[in-house]
Amino acid sequence: MNHGRIVFSQIMDYFPRRRFKSCVDRYRGDHRIKTFTCLDQFYCMTFAQLTARESLRDIEACLRAAGPKLYHAGIKARVSRTTLAKANKVRNWRIYRDIALILIDHARTLYAHQSLAMNLKRAVYALDSTVIDLSLTLFPWAQHRRGKSAVKVHTQLDLRGNIPAFIRITGGQTHDVHFLDHVMFEAGAFYIMDKGYIDFQRLYHIHQQQSFFVTRAKNNLAFTRRASYPVDKSRGLRSDQAIRLTGPKSSAYYPELLRRIHYVDTELDKRFLFLTNNFNLSPWTIARLYKFRWQIELFFKWIKQHLRIKAFYGTTPNAVKTQVWIAISVYVLVAILKKELALEVSMYEILQVIGVMLFEKTPVKSLFSADFNNFSKSHLRNQLLLFDL
């Protein structure tokens, strides 16, 4: 069925065009637009992400060099850097947020039964943010600190498949803890986060939603011990306690018992003090759960390395948000492609290959044949392969 079709067109088979049109209509993105529609804009920006283009001029030059292949890629309009710059500046970024969320929902369904490397049937999410530094001169609207601008990408990562379940983009001055006000907590799910999210009023809200959290306690935590439980010290565990907060504010914000687990990681030679509202799992399982939080650090590192979100094609808030949301869409689209075609290679390898084969007339699956697998295993051992799902 893919005979004679270019790779870019085959990838876009997994892009929901009808639902994208609904997103465009919702915000009147194509109102009075005769050429270079929102779909053309999305395709051009997707090309830029997949091939790591450096600038608008770079995008224009490479796409024009493709000539008649653009029509087969689905790009009907003539590509101009000024036209693309204007589209990124004025077309509502929420169009691309909404289609990204649609893709995320589809990907999470595909990866719902992905194993978590531990026997836990509940959903597990990691919460964190990454800062993208910007020039204060070019991005004065995103001032983060004195003499510096930045945007933050707050993320709720579903650890079954490492698919972002929820993303919020803010200025760099927004504190991480405010992200909790926008998360829809699932009953029975676990939320793993670091110290930056400790706000006992918000943590108690998670508890009231019948969800579970695992975080790290601050050193100045005021509490009294109510009970102690036996632990296996050979695994690095030092204590497992039921505590009650005694601080004047914290005790009012979180009036119920908490669980405090002291764990020493012998490999890192580091001590951890965990806080959780779950009293059923073993302390060793809680410690292992927190280790999975590093998956979100790897996710941020991965997208910064392989997608264009550190260098922006426009300087306005709309252009920045448009580019970030399209970058997320591309990541999720590749994850969907990987699952639908049952590809046994990493996300890194998929992006590296399709980035140079976008306009070739080759079935996508044949790009990752047994010969490719043998080659990648023998020649890419020194390359860090993240998200090898």
Foldseek 3Di string as FASTA:
>chain_A
DLFPAFQLQVLCVLQDPVVLVVLCVVQVQCPVPDACGPVLLLLLLLLCFLQVQFALVSSLVVVVVLPPLVVSSVHDHRRDSVVSQVSLVPGFLVSLVVSLLVLLVVLCVLLVPADLVDPDNAWEKEWDKDKQWDQCVLAVVQDQDVRTWIKIWIFIFGSSLRGTNDIDIGRNNDQRLCVLVVDDAAAAYEYEYEPSNDDLLSQVVNVVNNYKYKYFDDPPFAWDFDDWDDDDCVQFWDTKTWIAGDDPPNCVSHVDIWIWTWGADPVVRDITIMIMRDPPDDSVVSVVSNVSNCLVVVVVVVLVVRGPLNRFHHRDPSSNSNSVSSSSSSLSSLSVVCSVLVQQFFSVVLSVQCSVRRSPSDPSSVSRDPVNVVCCVVPVPVPDGRSSD
